[in-house]
Amino acid sequence: MIQEQYVTFETAKLLQEKDFNEPTLFSYYDNNGIVHMHKTNKILQIIAPIKRPTQQKTVEWLRIKHKLFISITYHNKQYKATIIDIHDANNPIIHEGIICDNPYATTENAIQLCLKKLI
């Protein structure tokens, strides 16, 4: 069974800055520097405004709302790194290829790079 991967607190904060407002099952809240995660409900939506989506939902949101497409090539033997490509459908001329020093960079890394590109 495939288990959903959720975005980190740092990525959730970036999403909030970019007006991510999709429904999520879980939310983060910061209690004096200690970050907690709880199932989202009406009460927590008031005290925990930082939504915690899955990586899949985040990639879908980037694709639909911002027309950004992510492509990841894992562990390129020539560079011993992961290559993350970001394609912008709003401007097909723009294509960013990023080589990460970490050969095991994840979808989370790609999502964060896209969000930083948008900010």
Protein backbone atom coordinates (compact mmCIF):
# COMPACT_ATOMS: atom_id res chain seq x y z
CA MET A 1 0.00 0.00 0.00
CA ILE A 2 1.35 3.42 -0.94
CA GLN A 3 1.46 5.85 1.96
CA GLU A 4 0.82 9.54 1.30
CA GLN A 5 3.70 11.90 2.00
CA TYR A 6 2.73 15.19 3.62
CA VAL A 7 4.61 18.46 3.16
CA THR A 8 6.88 19.71 5.93
CA PHE A 9 6.01 22.64 8.18
CA GLU A 10 8.42 24.87 6.24
CA THR A 11 6.73 23.99 2.94
CA ALA A 12 3.28 24.47 4.48
CA LYS A 13 4.31 28.01 5.50
CA LEU A 14 5.46 28.72 1.93
CA LEU A 15 2.14 27.42 0.63
CA GLN A 16 0.27 29.70 3.02
CA GLU A 17 2.27 32.69 1.71
CA LYS A 18 1.13 31.77 -1.81
CA ASP A 19 -2.54 31.62 -0.73
CA PHE A 20 -2.91 27.84 -0.75
CA ASN A 21 -6.48 27.35 0.45
CA GLU A 22 -7.44 23.82 -0.56
CA PRO A 23 -9.17 21.52 1.94
CA THR A 24 -6.75 19.30 3.86
CA LEU A 25 -7.13 16.46 6.31
CA PHE A 26 -4.39 17.75 8.64
CA SER A 27 -3.12 21.15 9.81
CA TYR A 28 -0.04 22.44 11.61
CA TYR A 29 -0.05 24.90 14.44
CA ASP A 30 2.87 26.52 16.19
CA ASN A 31 2.63 26.59 19.99
CA ASN A 32 5.49 28.87 21.14
CA GLY A 33 8.01 27.29 18.79
CA ILE A 34 6.73 23.72 19.18
CA VAL A 35 4.97 22.61 16.00
CA HIS A 36 2.01 20.27 16.36
CA MET A 37 -0.02 18.46 13.72
CA HIS A 38 -3.69 17.64 14.19
CA LYS A 39 -6.60 16.47 12.11
CA THR A 40 -8.29 19.53 10.64
CA ASN A 41 -11.70 20.42 12.04
CA LYS A 42 -13.71 23.61 12.40
CA ILE A 43 -12.14 24.55 15.74
CA LEU A 44 -8.56 23.92 14.57
CA GLN A 45 -9.17 25.94 11.41
CA ILE A 46 -9.42 28.96 13.71
CA ILE A 47 -6.31 28.23 15.79
CA ALA A 48 -4.26 26.31 13.21
CA PRO A 49 -4.42 28.16 9.91
CA ILE A 50 -1.39 26.43 8.39
CA LYS A 51 -2.77 23.62 6.24
CA ARG A 52 -0.80 20.40 5.76
CA PRO A 53 -1.52 18.97 2.30
CA THR A 54 -0.04 15.87 0.76
CA GLN A 55 2.82 16.32 -1.69
CA GLN A 56 0.54 15.02 -4.44
CA LYS A 57 -2.13 17.64 -3.69
CA THR A 58 0.56 20.35 -3.63
CA VAL A 59 2.01 19.31 -7.01
CA GLU A 60 -1.52 19.25 -8.44
CA TRP A 61 -2.17 22.76 -7.04
CA LEU A 62 1.07 24.07 -8.57
CA ARG A 63 0.10 22.55 -11.91
CA ILE A 64 -3.52 23.79 -11.96
CA LYS A 65 -3.25 27.20 -10.26
CA HIS A 66 0.24 28.31 -11.34
CA LYS A 67 0.85 26.18 -14.46
CA LEU A 68 4.14 24.87 -13.05
CA PHE A 69 5.16 21.34 -13.94
CA ILE A 70 7.84 19.41 -12.05
CA SER A 71 10.07 16.73 -13.51
CA ILE A 72 12.65 14.92 -11.39
CA THR A 73 15.53 12.80 -12.70
CA TYR A 74 16.97 10.84 -9.84
CA HIS A 75 20.68 10.28 -9.40
CA ASN A 76 22.16 11.33 -12.70
CA LYS A 77 25.38 9.27 -12.95
CA GLN A 78 27.33 12.00 -14.75
CA TYR A 79 26.73 14.63 -12.06
CA LYS A 80 25.99 12.29 -9.12
CA ALA A 81 23.03 14.48 -8.33
CA THR A 82 19.31 14.84 -8.78
CA ILE A 83 18.07 17.11 -11.56
CA ILE A 84 14.83 18.99 -10.94
CA ASP A 85 13.21 20.64 -13.95
CA ILE A 86 10.49 23.25 -13.53
CA HIS A 87 8.42 24.03 -16.62
CA ASP A 88 6.27 27.16 -16.67
CA ALA A 89 3.24 26.77 -18.97
CA ASN A 90 2.47 30.49 -18.62
CA ASN A 91 5.77 31.25 -20.29
CA PRO A 92 7.04 28.24 -22.27
CA ILE A 93 10.37 29.94 -22.88
CA ILE A 94 11.17 29.73 -19.17
CA HIS A 95 12.54 26.37 -18.18
CA GLU A 96 14.59 26.01 -15.05
CA GLY A 97 16.87 23.05 -14.55
CA ILE A 98 18.32 22.75 -11.08
CA ILE A 99 21.01 20.28 -10.13
CA CYS A 100 20.82 19.37 -6.47
CA ASP A 101 23.98 18.28 -4.70
CA ASN A 102 21.87 15.73 -2.88
CA PRO A 103 21.52 12.69 -5.16
CA TYR A 104 18.48 11.67 -3.14
CA ALA A 105 16.52 14.93 -3.40
CA THR A 106 12.82 14.37 -3.06
CA THR A 107 9.54 15.70 -4.36
CA GLU A 108 9.55 17.93 -1.26
CA ASN A 109 12.74 19.62 -2.55
CA ALA A 110 11.12 20.21 -5.94
CA ILE A 111 7.95 21.63 -4.36
CA GLN A 112 9.98 24.04 -2.22
CA LEU A 113 11.96 25.19 -5.28
CA CYS A 114 8.70 25.87 -7.18
CA LEU A 115 7.22 27.80 -4.28
CA LYS A 116 10.37 29.90 -3.89
CA LYS A 117 10.20 30.64 -7.63
CA LEU A 118 6.65 31.96 -7.14
CA ILE A 119 7.46 34.20 -4.14
